Amino acid sequence: MNKRVFLSDKEVADHLFPFTQTRSVADIRIGILTIRQKWERLLNQPVTVLKDDEEAPADAIVFAANIIPSRQFIRSAFDATGQPTNRPDYSLVKLLQYPWHIFQWNDWALREDFQLITQNRSSAPIPDTVQAVNAGNIFIEPGAVLTHCWLNASTGPIYIDRNAEIMEGSLIRGPFSLGEGSLVKMGARIYGATTIGPYCLAGGEIKNSILFGYSNKAHDGYLGDSVIGEWCNLGAGTSNSNIKNTASEVNVWHHPAREYLSAGLKCGLLMGDYSRAAINTSFNTGTVVGVCANIFGEGMPPKFVPSFTWGNKGLSLYEFEKALTDISNWKKLKNQVLTEAEINQLKHIFGQS
């Protein structure tokens, strides 16, 4: 391709709170890959994400960063020589307009990414101790470890990235993706469409949910129809509701509009980066948690927990230096450090809290 491709989130970033507090729309993970990674694989070239104050060159090709591209869409947007056709077919994509769309479109995105990543490649062999259904729809990267677990790919593909591990007794139904270096603990029950990003811990019961990366839902408890950002931790026994007792529409806090909007019949927990919940926390249907909230205490948290919240009742402010210390401690557990860029970003979010 002769032209550079740019992704712009200027019009949509605010609508995907809390996940765009700490990343571009293009760096949201849905399916196996982030949106940026999908574009780069499909185009076989790097793409540039525009910052708020940046403009693309006059001859550049610009797409909205909330477009989740597909192979068919790329064929409609570019001809065989890589030139734009000016006739892209937007019926061939999904659009992230609200944060709950991340789990709502995850089934579609997992299937698209599985085909993109595994095309013309061979999987590592499925170990003899693994019970596999529809083995041709399972792809295991080198270095992954699987022992005495069940993989049922009759309902969708299953992708296991390199150096990931699934412990004994785990039951997994596709579509499902386990990221690099992540661990599914013993006896986990995971339903599709679920994405466990890189360097996560997963346990208990999970359904139709996404963990972006470096986060832990390691113990018993239910996580369903939910999106969890990076560097989050859900304590043992933590669960969320994903459907109302009345089976009526779930209303979710939409931060830009400062009002509740309908997300459909099911929506669980939408948790921003660096946030944590103590053991046995119970989240109501359609709860939104901002960035760097430390949730603990009796009773259910409110349906909207602002960024840098400390506790549960009264919603005290999390002291900034204390928050940085706690984040650094969690990062050490995964052999990572808090960078100066991350500190500056968190300082900006704290100033708006």
Protein backbone atom coordinates (compact mmCIF):
# COMPACT_ATOMS: atom_id res chain seq x y z
CA MET A 1 0.00 0.00 0.00
CA ASN A 2 1.35 3.41 -0.99
CA LYS A 3 -0.63 5.56 1.40
CA ARG A 4 -0.35 5.85 5.16
CA VAL A 5 -3.42 4.96 7.22
CA PHE A 6 -4.38 6.97 10.29
CA LEU A 7 -6.92 6.17 13.00
CA SER A 8 -8.74 9.02 14.73
CA ASP A 9 -10.69 8.78 17.98
CA LYS A 10 -11.48 12.49 18.31
CA GLU A 11 -15.21 12.01 17.96
CA VAL A 12 -15.64 8.80 19.94
CA ALA A 13 -13.09 8.57 22.78
CA ASP A 14 -15.27 10.21 25.44
CA HIS A 15 -18.12 7.79 24.71
CA LEU A 16 -15.98 4.77 25.66
CA PHE A 17 -15.25 5.89 29.24
CA PRO A 18 -13.63 4.52 31.38
CA PHE A 19 -11.40 2.58 28.98
CA THR A 20 -10.27 5.59 26.96
CA GLN A 21 -9.12 7.46 30.06
CA THR A 22 -5.84 5.56 29.76
CA ARG A 23 -5.60 4.52 26.07
CA SER A 24 -6.62 5.40 22.57
CA VAL A 25 -9.77 3.80 21.22
CA ALA A 26 -7.43 2.00 18.81
CA ASP A 27 -5.75 0.21 21.71
CA ILE A 28 -8.93 -1.35 23.09
CA ARG A 29 -8.77 -5.15 23.02
CA ILE A 30 -11.75 -6.91 21.50
CA GLY A 31 -11.55 -10.42 20.16
CA ILE A 32 -7.93 -11.57 20.33
CA LEU A 33 -6.23 -8.37 19.16
CA THR A 34 -6.51 -4.66 19.81
CA ILE A 35 -8.16 -2.55 17.12
CA ARG A 36 -4.78 -1.13 16.10
CA GLN A 37 -3.30 -4.63 15.79
CA LYS A 38 -6.20 -5.73 13.57
CA TRP A 39 -5.61 -2.87 11.14
CA GLU A 40 -1.89 -3.52 11.00
CA ARG A 41 -2.31 -7.23 10.31
CA LEU A 42 -4.99 -6.67 7.69
CA LEU A 43 -3.00 -3.96 5.90
CA ASN A 44 0.41 -5.53 6.52
CA GLN A 45 1.81 -2.16 7.56
CA PRO A 46 1.91 0.11 10.63
CA VAL A 47 -0.96 2.52 11.25
CA THR A 48 -0.72 5.84 13.07
CA VAL A 49 -3.13 6.86 15.82
CA LEU A 50 -3.86 10.59 15.80
CA LYS A 51 -3.63 12.47 19.07
CA ASP A 52 -6.21 15.09 20.00
CA ASP A 53 -4.25 18.01 18.57
CA GLU A 54 -2.89 16.22 15.50
CA GLU A 55 -4.06 16.38 11.91
CA ALA A 56 -3.30 13.75 9.30
CA PRO A 57 -1.40 14.71 6.13
CA ALA A 58 -3.61 15.87 3.28
CA ASP A 59 -2.98 12.72 1.23
CA ALA A 60 -3.45 10.28 4.12
CA ILE A 61 -6.32 7.84 4.59
CA VAL A 62 -8.17 8.39 7.87
CA PHE A 63 -10.60 6.00 9.52
CA ALA A 64 -12.42 6.36 12.83
CA ALA A 65 -10.57 4.41 15.53
CA ASN A 66 -13.78 2.78 16.76
CA ILE A 67 -14.17 0.78 13.53
CA ILE A 68 -13.45 -2.91 14.13
CA PRO A 69 -12.22 -3.93 10.67
CA SER A 70 -12.75 -7.25 8.93
CA ARG A 71 -11.05 -8.89 5.96
CA GLN A 72 -14.13 -8.27 3.84
CA PHE A 73 -14.16 -4.58 4.79
CA ILE A 74 -10.51 -4.15 3.79
CA ARG A 75 -11.29 -5.72 0.40
CA SER A 76 -14.10 -3.20 -0.08
CA ALA A 77 -11.96 -0.25 1.02
CA PHE A 78 -8.81 -0.98 -1.03
CA ASP A 79 -8.26 -2.44 -4.49
CA ALA A 80 -5.73 -5.12 -5.43
CA THR A 81 -2.96 -2.51 -5.72
CA GLY A 82 -3.66 -1.09 -2.26
CA GLN A 83 -5.32 2.07 -3.49
CA PRO A 84 -8.50 3.28 -1.73
CA THR A 85 -11.69 2.46 -3.58
CA ASN A 86 -13.76 5.24 -1.98
CA ARG A 87 -16.47 2.59 -1.60
CA PRO A 88 -15.82 0.99 1.80
CA ASP A 89 -18.74 -1.18 2.91
CA TYR A 90 -19.39 -0.30 6.54
CA SER A 91 -21.93 -3.09 6.87
CA LEU A 92 -18.88 -5.39 7.11
CA VAL A 93 -17.58 -3.90 10.37
CA LYS A 94 -18.69 -3.38 13.95
CA LEU A 95 -18.55 0.06 15.58
CA LEU A 96 -17.68 0.66 19.23
CA GLN A 97 -20.01 3.48 20.19
CA TYR A 98 -20.48 2.63 23.88
CA PRO A 99 -18.33 0.61 26.31
CA TRP A 100 -20.84 -2.24 26.52
CA HIS A 101 -20.35 -2.83 22.78
CA ILE A 102 -16.94 -4.31 23.67
CA PHE A 103 -18.51 -7.45 25.15
CA GLN A 104 -21.51 -7.35 22.80
CA TRP A 105 -19.29 -7.55 19.68
CA ASN A 106 -16.67 -9.87 21.19
CA ASP A 107 -18.11 -13.07 19.71
CA TRP A 108 -17.88 -11.61 16.20
CA ALA A 109 -14.41 -10.20 16.83
CA LEU A 110 -13.03 -13.48 18.23
CA ARG A 111 -14.11 -15.38 15.13
CA GLU A 112 -12.64 -12.74 12.81
CA ASP A 113 -9.32 -12.63 14.67
CA PHE A 114 -9.04 -16.41 14.85
CA GLN A 115 -9.22 -16.65 11.07
CA LEU A 116 -6.80 -13.75 10.66
CA ILE A 117 -4.16 -15.14 13.03
CA THR A 118 -4.33 -18.84 12.16
CA GLN A 119 -4.79 -18.73 8.38
CA ASN A 120 -2.22 -20.96 6.62
CA ARG A 121 -0.62 -21.88 9.96
CA SER A 122 -0.49 -25.12 11.94
CA SER A 123 -1.37 -25.43 15.61
CA ALA A 124 0.87 -27.06 18.16
CA PRO A 125 -0.50 -30.54 18.96
CA ILE A 126 -3.28 -30.86 21.50
CA PRO A 127 -1.86 -32.78 24.50
CA ASP A 128 -3.16 -36.32 25.04
CA THR A 129 -4.60 -35.42 28.46
CA VAL A 130 -6.84 -32.69 26.98
CA GLN A 131 -10.41 -33.55 26.01
CA ALA A 132 -11.11 -31.62 22.81
CA VAL A 133 -14.36 -31.20 20.90
CA ASN A 134 -14.02 -29.97 17.29
CA ALA A 135 -10.23 -30.01 17.50
CA GLY A 136 -9.87 -28.38 14.08
CA ASN A 137 -11.27 -25.19 15.62
CA ILE A 138 -8.56 -25.07 18.33
CA PHE A 139 -5.22 -23.35 17.83
CA ILE A 140 -2.36 -23.59 20.32
CA GLU A 141 0.79 -21.50 20.02
CA PRO A 142 4.23 -22.92 20.92
CA GLY A 143 5.07 -22.88 24.62
CA ALA A 144 1.47 -23.12 25.85
CA VAL A 145 0.83 -25.69 28.60
CA LEU A 146 -2.48 -27.56 28.90
CA THR A 147 -3.13 -30.39 31.36
CA HIS A 148 -6.27 -32.52 31.92
CA CYS A 149 -8.76 -29.83 30.80
CA TRP A 150 -11.78 -29.73 28.47
CA LEU A 151 -11.83 -27.55 25.35
CA ASN A 152 -15.16 -27.44 23.50
CA ALA A 153 -14.79 -25.58 20.21
CA SER A 154 -18.12 -26.72 18.80
CA THR A 155 -19.63 -23.35 19.73
CA GLY A 156 -16.71 -21.24 18.46
CA PRO A 157 -12.93 -21.23 18.01
CA ILE A 158 -10.44 -21.49 20.88
CA TYR A 159 -7.07 -19.73 20.68
CA ILE A 160 -4.28 -20.31 23.23
CA ASP A 161 -1.33 -17.92 22.90
CA ARG A 162 2.30 -18.74 23.60
CA ASN A 163 3.43 -19.47 27.15
CA ALA A 164 -0.17 -19.47 28.41
CA GLU A 165 -1.34 -22.24 30.73
CA ILE A 166 -4.66 -23.98 31.40
CA MET A 167 -4.60 -26.02 34.61
CA GLU A 168 -6.33 -29.31 35.26
CA GLY A 169 -10.08 -29.50 35.66
CA SER A 170 -10.82 -26.35 33.65
CA LEU A 171 -13.87 -26.38 31.37
CA ILE A 172 -13.78 -23.98 28.40
CA ARG A 173 -16.30 -23.38 25.61
CA GLY A 174 -15.53 -21.24 22.59
CA PRO A 175 -15.26 -18.72 21.26
CA PHE A 176 -12.38 -18.11 23.64
CA SER A 177 -8.92 -16.55 23.63
CA LEU A 178 -6.18 -16.86 26.25
CA GLY A 179 -3.41 -14.28 25.91
CA GLU A 180 0.33 -14.68 26.11
CA GLY A 181 1.61 -15.65 29.55
CA SER A 182 -1.87 -15.90 31.08
CA LEU A 183 -3.07 -18.62 33.43
CA VAL A 184 -6.44 -20.32 33.79
CA LYS A 185 -6.53 -21.80 37.29
CA MET A 186 -7.78 -25.24 38.33
CA GLY A 187 -11.45 -25.93 37.92
CA ALA A 188 -12.31 -22.71 36.09
CA ARG A 189 -15.56 -22.66 34.07
CA ILE A 190 -15.35 -20.30 31.12
CA TYR A 191 -18.06 -19.75 28.52
CA GLY A 192 -17.75 -17.87 25.26
CA ALA A 193 -17.43 -15.30 24.09
CA THR A 194 -14.53 -14.58 26.47
CA THR A 195 -11.15 -12.95 25.98
CA ILE A 196 -8.45 -13.25 28.62
CA GLY A 197 -5.73 -10.82 27.55
CA PRO A 198 -1.98 -11.20 28.14
CA TYR A 199 -0.52 -11.90 31.60
CA CYS A 200 -3.87 -12.35 33.35
CA LEU A 201 -5.13 -14.82 35.96
CA ALA A 202 -8.56 -16.37 35.38
CA GLY A 203 -10.58 -18.57 37.69
CA GLY A 204 -14.11 -19.27 38.89
CA GLU A 205 -16.95 -18.71 36.42
CA ILE A 206 -16.58 -16.30 33.49
CA LYS A 207 -18.94 -15.69 30.59
CA ASN A 208 -18.90 -13.29 27.61
CA SER A 209 -16.28 -11.03 29.19
CA ILE A 210 -12.96 -9.37 28.32
CA LEU A 211 -9.90 -8.80 30.50
CA PHE A 212 -7.64 -6.41 28.59
CA GLY A 213 -4.34 -7.52 30.14
CA TYR A 214 -2.33 -7.85 33.38
CA SER A 215 -5.55 -8.25 35.37
CA ASN A 216 -6.72 -10.90 37.80
CA LYS A 217 -10.06 -12.61 38.26
CA ALA A 218 -8.34 -15.55 39.87
CA HIS A 219 -10.85 -17.02 42.32
CA ASP A 220 -14.42 -18.28 42.63
CA GLY A 221 -17.16 -15.80 41.82
CA TYR A 222 -19.03 -14.85 38.66
CA LEU A 223 -17.97 -12.41 35.95
CA GLY A 224 -20.42 -12.08 33.09
CA ASP A 225 -21.09 -9.65 30.22
CA SER A 226 -18.28 -7.49 31.55
CA VAL A 227 -15.14 -5.61 30.51
CA ILE A 228 -12.15 -5.32 32.84
CA GLY A 229 -9.27 -2.98 31.99
CA GLU A 230 -5.56 -3.48 32.66
CA TRP A 231 -3.97 -3.91 36.10
CA CYS A 232 -7.27 -4.68 37.82
CA ASN A 233 -7.84 -7.23 40.59
CA LEU A 234 -11.11 -8.84 41.69
CA GLY A 235 -10.85 -10.36 45.17
CA ALA A 236 -11.99 -13.88 46.00
CA GLY A 237 -15.76 -14.34 45.87
CA THR A 238 -16.36 -11.14 43.90
CA SER A 239 -19.33 -11.41 41.53
CA ASN A 240 -21.44 -9.21 39.32
CA SER A 241 -25.06 -9.29 38.30
CA ASN A 242 -25.59 -9.17 34.55
CA ILE A 243 -29.38 -9.19 34.34
CA LYS A 244 -32.04 -7.42 36.40
CA ASN A 245 -34.49 -9.38 38.53
CA THR A 246 -37.25 -7.93 36.36
CA ALA A 247 -35.45 -8.97 33.12
CA SER A 248 -35.94 -5.40 31.93
CA GLU A 249 -33.39 -3.19 30.17
CA VAL A 250 -30.15 -2.41 32.01
CA ASN A 251 -29.35 1.29 32.32
CA VAL A 252 -25.63 2.14 32.44
CA TRP A 253 -23.95 5.41 33.38
CA HIS A 254 -22.75 7.26 30.27
CA HIS A 255 -20.12 9.66 31.49
CA PRO A 256 -20.10 12.26 28.67
CA ALA A 257 -23.87 12.67 28.80
CA ARG A 258 -23.99 12.49 32.63
CA GLU A 259 -27.01 10.22 32.38
CA TYR A 260 -27.97 6.56 32.30
CA LEU A 261 -28.48 4.92 28.89
CA SER A 262 -29.94 1.53 27.99
CA ALA A 263 -27.34 -1.15 27.25
CA GLY A 264 -29.88 -3.86 26.43
CA LEU A 265 -31.02 -6.76 28.57
CA LYS A 266 -27.58 -7.77 29.87
CA CYS A 267 -24.62 -5.80 31.17
CA GLY A 268 -22.32 -6.62 34.05
CA LEU A 269 -19.24 -4.71 35.24
CA LEU A 270 -17.28 -2.10 33.23
CA MET A 271 -14.06 -1.45 35.18
CA GLY A 272 -11.31 0.99 34.19
CA ASP A 273 -7.56 0.39 34.54
CA TYR A 274 -5.82 0.06 37.93
CA SER A 275 -9.08 -0.51 39.83
CA ARG A 276 -9.54 -3.24 42.45
CA ALA A 277 -12.31 -4.84 44.49
CA ALA A 278 -11.92 -6.56 47.86
CA ILE A 279 -13.09 -10.10 48.59
CA ASN A 280 -16.81 -10.85 48.25
CA THR A 281 -17.62 -7.56 46.53
CA SER A 282 -21.03 -7.74 44.80
CA PHE A 283 -21.49 -5.47 41.79
CA ASN A 284 -24.96 -4.50 40.65
CA THR A 285 -26.14 -4.90 37.07
CA GLY A 286 -24.50 -2.39 34.73
CA THR A 287 -21.93 -0.97 37.16
CA VAL A 288 -19.26 1.41 35.82
CA VAL A 289 -16.00 1.82 37.76
CA GLY A 290 -13.52 4.52 36.77
CA VAL A 291 -9.72 4.43 36.81
CA CYS A 292 -7.81 3.55 40.00
CA ALA A 293 -10.69 2.88 42.37
CA ASN A 294 -10.04 0.79 45.49
CA ILE A 295 -13.42 -0.73 46.41
CA PHE A 296 -14.07 -2.37 49.77
CA GLY A 297 -16.65 -2.32 52.55
CA GLU A 298 -20.14 -3.57 53.30
CA GLY A 299 -22.97 -3.57 50.80
CA MET A 300 -23.05 -3.12 47.04
CA PRO A 301 -20.98 -0.31 45.51
CA PRO A 302 -23.01 2.33 43.67
CA LYS A 303 -23.68 1.79 39.97
CA PHE A 304 -21.14 4.49 39.13
CA VAL A 305 -17.84 4.57 41.00
CA PRO A 306 -15.71 7.58 39.99
CA SER A 307 -11.98 7.40 39.33
CA PHE A 308 -9.67 7.51 42.37
CA THR A 309 -12.38 6.38 44.76
CA TRP A 310 -11.40 4.87 48.12
CA GLY A 311 -13.82 2.51 49.88
CA ASN A 312 -17.48 1.97 49.20
CA LYS A 313 -19.85 4.11 51.25
CA GLY A 314 -19.15 7.82 51.09
CA LEU A 315 -16.75 7.42 48.16
CA SER A 316 -13.67 9.05 49.70
CA LEU A 317 -10.86 10.27 47.45
CA TYR A 318 -7.92 7.89 46.98
CA GLU A 319 -4.79 9.84 47.95
CA PHE A 320 -2.65 10.22 44.84
CA GLU A 321 0.72 9.20 46.28
CA LYS A 322 -0.89 6.25 48.06
CA ALA A 323 -2.51 5.21 44.77
CA LEU A 324 0.85 5.29 42.97
CA THR A 325 2.47 3.20 45.70
CA ASP A 326 -0.31 0.61 45.51
CA ILE A 327 -0.16 0.42 41.71
CA SER A 328 3.62 -0.03 41.89
CA ASN A 329 3.16 -2.88 44.36
CA TRP A 330 0.73 -4.65 42.04
CA LYS A 331 3.03 -4.14 39.06
CA LYS A 332 5.92 -5.74 40.93
CA LEU A 333 3.86 -8.93 41.20
CA LYS A 334 4.10 -9.22 37.41
CA ASN A 335 7.70 -7.96 37.18
CA GLN A 336 6.64 -4.56 35.80
CA VAL A 337 7.27 -1.00 36.96
CA LEU A 338 5.14 2.15 36.90
CA THR A 339 6.57 4.44 34.23
CA GLU A 340 6.87 8.21 34.25
CA ALA A 341 4.42 8.42 31.35
CA GLU A 342 1.86 6.42 33.32
CA ILE A 343 2.35 8.64 36.38
CA ASN A 344 1.75 11.77 34.31
CA GLN A 345 -1.35 10.22 32.77
CA LEU A 346 -2.71 9.25 36.19
CA LYS A 347 -1.95 12.71 37.54
CA HIS A 348 -4.06 14.20 34.77
CA ILE A 349 -6.97 11.84 35.54
CA PHE A 350 -6.65 12.54 39.26
CA GLY A 351 -6.87 16.28 38.59
CA GLN A 352 -10.19 15.72 36.82
CA SER A 353 -11.61 13.46 39.56
